[in-house]
Amino acid sequence: MPNSGIPQGIFLKRAKLIKPDGSGDYDWCDLRLGMDLNVYSRVFRIMDCDEFTRSYFANEGTDIGQAEDYPTDPFTFARSMINMKQTPPDQAEFKNYIEVKLKGGRPNGGLKQFLDNDRRVLSF
């Protein structure tokens, strides 16, 4: 990253932002929804704002614009597809069988209850 007068590790602090064309500083009336904001050669898209900002712009008689939908995040979509996958029932049964054979996994609760109560239950 070329040295642009900004110390490394610090991107933005509380200060006036200079417009990239050098025509002055950004002011509140320069901001609109749906615009690209260039801050020290980094471009940010203004998608939406809170109700206070909307009411402030309305009181000043300035149109702030329409909110935009956020773009879909490919990582979140891919992660949801991975989490949606389930092991097929035949593999799940085989996994349970192997775990029980190796003396691990979950014990058969019904069998344990049956063996504990053997010859104590009245049957007809």
Protein backbone atom coordinates (compact mmCIF):
# COMPACT_ATOMS: atom_id res chain seq x y z
CA MET A 1 0.00 0.00 0.00
CA PRO A 2 1.53 3.32 -0.94
CA ASN A 3 2.09 5.76 1.87
CA SER A 4 -0.75 8.27 1.62
CA GLY A 5 0.02 10.13 4.81
CA ILE A 6 -2.13 7.76 6.87
CA PRO A 7 -0.33 5.75 9.57
CA GLN A 8 -0.49 2.00 8.98
CA GLY A 9 -3.20 0.19 10.94
CA ILE A 10 -5.39 3.30 11.19
CA PHE A 11 -7.95 3.77 8.46
CA LEU A 12 -10.34 6.42 9.66
CA LYS A 13 -10.63 8.51 12.76
CA ARG A 14 -12.91 11.38 13.65
CA ALA A 15 -11.90 13.96 11.09
CA LYS A 16 -13.16 15.80 8.03
CA LEU A 17 -13.11 13.74 4.87
CA ILE A 18 -11.65 15.36 1.78
CA LYS A 19 -13.39 14.66 -1.53
CA PRO A 20 -11.24 12.69 -3.98
CA ASP A 21 -11.32 15.49 -6.57
CA GLY A 22 -9.94 17.93 -3.97
CA SER A 23 -12.92 20.30 -4.20
CA GLY A 24 -13.39 20.41 -0.43
CA ASP A 25 -14.69 18.31 2.42
CA TYR A 26 -17.65 15.96 2.45
CA ASP A 27 -20.73 17.47 4.08
CA TRP A 28 -23.98 15.83 5.17
CA CYS A 29 -25.76 17.17 2.08
CA ASP A 30 -23.27 15.31 -0.16
CA LEU A 31 -24.44 11.93 1.14
CA ARG A 32 -27.26 9.97 -0.52
CA LEU A 33 -28.48 6.40 -0.40
CA GLY A 34 -27.18 4.38 -3.32
CA MET A 35 -24.04 6.43 -3.83
CA ASP A 36 -20.44 5.31 -3.78
CA LEU A 37 -18.41 7.12 -1.13
CA ASN A 38 -14.69 7.36 -1.88
CA VAL A 39 -12.66 7.60 1.35
CA TYR A 40 -8.89 7.55 0.95
CA SER A 41 -9.14 5.50 -2.27
CA ARG A 42 -11.51 2.98 -0.70
CA VAL A 43 -15.01 2.94 -2.11
CA PHE A 44 -18.01 2.29 0.14
CA ARG A 45 -21.61 1.92 -1.03
CA ILE A 46 -24.27 3.62 1.10
CA MET A 47 -27.14 1.13 1.18
CA ASP A 48 -29.49 2.28 3.98
CA CYS A 49 -29.74 4.52 7.00
CA ASP A 50 -31.57 4.73 10.31
CA GLU A 51 -34.81 6.57 11.05
CA PHE A 52 -33.05 9.49 12.75
CA THR A 53 -31.05 10.20 9.59
CA ARG A 54 -34.18 9.95 7.44
CA SER A 55 -36.05 12.42 9.67
CA TYR A 56 -33.03 14.78 9.71
CA PHE A 57 -32.88 14.87 5.91
CA ALA A 58 -36.67 15.31 5.74
CA ASN A 59 -36.54 18.25 8.18
CA GLU A 60 -33.82 19.84 6.06
CA GLY A 61 -35.94 19.36 2.93
CA THR A 62 -33.39 17.10 1.24
CA ASP A 63 -34.22 13.81 -0.46
CA ILE A 64 -31.97 11.04 0.82
CA GLY A 65 -33.02 8.49 -1.80
CA GLN A 66 -34.33 4.94 -1.65
CA ALA A 67 -32.75 2.14 0.37
CA GLU A 68 -31.15 -0.66 -1.60
CA ASP A 69 -31.18 -4.37 -0.88
CA TYR A 70 -27.97 -5.77 0.49
CA PRO A 71 -26.11 -8.03 -1.93
CA THR A 72 -26.10 -11.73 -1.19
CA ASP A 73 -22.97 -12.99 0.50
CA PRO A 74 -21.63 -16.02 -1.39
CA PHE A 75 -19.93 -17.36 1.76
CA THR A 76 -23.17 -17.31 3.77
CA PHE A 77 -25.02 -19.02 0.94
CA ALA A 78 -22.35 -21.72 0.60
CA ARG A 79 -22.28 -22.22 4.37
CA SER A 80 -26.06 -22.67 4.50
CA MET A 81 -25.87 -25.30 1.75
CA ILE A 82 -23.18 -27.20 3.68
CA ASN A 83 -25.22 -27.10 6.89
CA MET A 84 -28.30 -28.28 4.98
CA LYS A 85 -26.63 -31.55 3.98
CA GLN A 86 -27.55 -34.56 6.07
CA THR A 87 -26.18 -38.04 6.06
CA PRO A 88 -28.49 -40.49 4.31
CA PRO A 89 -30.39 -42.84 6.64
CA ASP A 90 -28.45 -45.94 5.56
CA GLN A 91 -25.13 -44.26 6.41
CA ALA A 92 -26.52 -43.05 9.75
CA GLU A 93 -27.63 -46.58 10.66
CA PHE A 94 -24.25 -47.98 9.65
CA LYS A 95 -22.49 -45.33 11.73
CA ASN A 96 -24.59 -46.20 14.80
CA TYR A 97 -23.87 -49.92 14.25
CA ILE A 98 -20.10 -49.33 14.10
CA GLU A 99 -20.15 -47.10 17.20
CA VAL A 100 -22.03 -49.72 19.23
CA LYS A 101 -19.70 -52.49 18.02
CA LEU A 102 -16.69 -50.43 19.14
CA LYS A 103 -18.28 -49.96 22.60
CA GLY A 104 -18.86 -46.28 21.96
CA GLY A 105 -21.64 -44.06 20.82
CA ARG A 106 -24.99 -44.00 22.45
CA PRO A 107 -26.14 -47.06 24.35
CA ASN A 108 -29.41 -48.76 23.56
CA GLY A 109 -31.60 -47.36 26.36
CA GLY A 110 -34.50 -49.70 25.64
CA LEU A 111 -32.28 -52.79 25.86
CA LYS A 112 -30.74 -51.62 29.13
CA GLN A 113 -34.18 -51.09 30.65
CA PHE A 114 -35.29 -54.51 29.38
CA LEU A 115 -32.29 -56.25 30.90
CA ASP A 116 -32.53 -54.35 34.22
CA ASN A 117 -36.17 -55.32 34.65
CA ASP A 118 -35.77 -58.90 33.46
CA ARG A 119 -37.77 -61.34 35.63
CA ARG A 120 -39.23 -58.45 37.65
CA VAL A 121 -42.07 -57.68 35.29
CA LEU A 122 -45.32 -59.53 35.53
CA SER A 123 -46.26 -60.88 32.13
CA PHE A 124 -49.34 -62.81 31.04
